[in-house]
Amino acid sequence: MERSPEWRKSSYSGDDGGECVEVAEIPGRVAIRDSKNPDGPVLLLSPAAFGDFVTAAATGTL
């Protein structure tokens, strides 16, 4: 039986319901979803691509 991913919000996300995403680790991938729409689409990235995404977001180069 396949286990459901454990989703977590960024420590930078507030509790005010604003813009935030949740991430979950699955074998060989990092899953990303909109926390306000947990049944919506999920973006799957390799760990390296996720690292690049986080770096780009942190440096404002997106």
C-alpha atoms as a PDB file:
ATOM      1  CA  MET A   1       0.000   0.000   0.000  1.00  0.00           C
ATOM      2  CA  GLU A   2       1.353   3.407  -0.968  1.00  0.00           C
ATOM      3  CA  ARG A   3       1.674   5.937   1.840  1.00  0.00           C
ATOM      4  CA  SER A   4       0.276   9.463   1.487  1.00  0.00           C
ATOM      5  CA  PRO A   5       2.930  12.184   1.401  1.00  0.00           C
ATOM      6  CA  GLU A   6       3.449  14.280   4.515  1.00  0.00           C
ATOM      7  CA  TRP A   7       2.817  17.875   3.441  1.00  0.00           C
ATOM      8  CA  ARG A   8       4.412  20.781   5.287  1.00  0.00           C
ATOM      9  CA  LYS A   9       4.269  24.558   4.956  1.00  0.00           C
ATOM     10  CA  SER A  10       7.269  26.817   4.866  1.00  0.00           C
ATOM     11  CA  SER A  11       8.334  28.255   8.193  1.00  0.00           C
ATOM     12  CA  TYR A  12       7.978  31.636   6.454  1.00  0.00           C
ATOM     13  CA  SER A  13       4.254  31.050   5.842  1.00  0.00           C
ATOM     14  CA  GLY A  14       1.916  32.816   8.211  1.00  0.00           C
ATOM     15  CA  ASP A  15      -1.434  31.668   9.515  1.00  0.00           C
ATOM     16  CA  ASP A  16      -3.326  34.472   7.770  1.00  0.00           C
ATOM     17  CA  GLY A  17      -4.275  32.354   4.726  1.00  0.00           C
ATOM     18  CA  GLY A  18      -2.075  34.334   2.358  1.00  0.00           C
ATOM     19  CA  GLU A  19       0.068  33.034  -0.432  1.00  0.00           C
ATOM     20  CA  CYS A  20       1.871  29.888   0.615  1.00  0.00           C
ATOM     21  CA  VAL A  21       2.790  26.529  -0.749  1.00  0.00           C
ATOM     22  CA  GLU A  22       3.240  23.148   0.824  1.00  0.00           C
ATOM     23  CA  VAL A  23       5.932  20.640  -0.035  1.00  0.00           C
ATOM     24  CA  ALA A  24       6.237  16.906   0.442  1.00  0.00           C
ATOM     25  CA  GLU A  25       9.076  14.511  -0.256  1.00  0.00           C
ATOM     26  CA  ILE A  26       8.209  11.470  -2.318  1.00  0.00           C
ATOM     27  CA  PRO A  27      10.718   8.935  -3.637  1.00  0.00           C
ATOM     28  CA  GLY A  28      13.030  10.782  -6.032  1.00  0.00           C
ATOM     29  CA  ARG A  29      10.871  13.914  -6.219  1.00  0.00           C
ATOM     30  CA  VAL A  30       9.694  16.952  -4.308  1.00  0.00           C
ATOM     31  CA  ALA A  31       5.966  17.683  -4.605  1.00  0.00           C
ATOM     32  CA  ILE A  32       4.644  21.253  -4.383  1.00  0.00           C
ATOM     33  CA  ARG A  33       1.007  22.359  -4.049  1.00  0.00           C
ATOM     34  CA  ASP A  34      -1.060  25.431  -3.195  1.00  0.00           C
ATOM     35  CA  SER A  35      -2.005  25.187   0.475  1.00  0.00           C
ATOM     36  CA  LYS A  36      -5.375  26.807  -0.234  1.00  0.00           C
ATOM     37  CA  ASN A  37      -6.194  24.116  -2.821  1.00  0.00           C
ATOM     38  CA  PRO A  38      -4.876  20.814  -1.435  1.00  0.00           C
ATOM     39  CA  ASP A  39      -6.913  18.768  -3.941  1.00  0.00           C
ATOM     40  CA  GLY A  40      -5.623  20.806  -6.887  1.00  0.00           C
ATOM     41  CA  PRO A  41      -2.642  20.168  -9.133  1.00  0.00           C
ATOM     42  CA  VAL A  42       0.738  19.131  -7.789  1.00  0.00           C
ATOM     43  CA  LEU A  43       4.067  20.155  -9.305  1.00  0.00           C
ATOM     44  CA  LEU A  44       6.725  17.427  -9.155  1.00  0.00           C
ATOM     45  CA  LEU A  45      10.396  18.428  -9.310  1.00  0.00           C
ATOM     46  CA  SER A  46      13.656  16.587  -8.934  1.00  0.00           C
ATOM     47  CA  PRO A  47      15.498  17.476  -5.724  1.00  0.00           C
ATOM     48  CA  ALA A  48      18.080  19.426  -7.781  1.00  0.00           C
ATOM     49  CA  ALA A  49      15.394  21.409  -9.630  1.00  0.00           C
ATOM     50  CA  PHE A  50      13.641  22.142  -6.325  1.00  0.00           C
ATOM     51  CA  GLY A  51      16.916  23.448  -4.909  1.00  0.00           C
ATOM     52  CA  ASP A  52      17.320  25.706  -7.950  1.00  0.00           C
ATOM     53  CA  PHE A  53      13.714  26.907  -7.503  1.00  0.00           C
ATOM     54  CA  VAL A  54      14.254  27.757  -3.824  1.00  0.00           C
ATOM     55  CA  THR A  55      17.498  29.582  -4.617  1.00  0.00           C
ATOM     56  CA  ALA A  56      15.837  31.584  -7.407  1.00  0.00           C
ATOM     57  CA  ALA A  57      12.906  32.499  -5.150  1.00  0.00           C
ATOM     58  CA  ALA A  58      15.223  33.552  -2.325  1.00  0.00           C
ATOM     59  CA  THR A  59      17.373  35.726  -4.569  1.00  0.00           C
ATOM     60  CA  GLY A  60      14.468  37.227  -6.539  1.00  0.00           C
ATOM     61  CA  THR A  61      15.640  35.855  -9.877  1.00  0.00           C
ATOM     62  CA  LEU A  62      12.377  34.099 -10.806  1.00  0.00           C
END
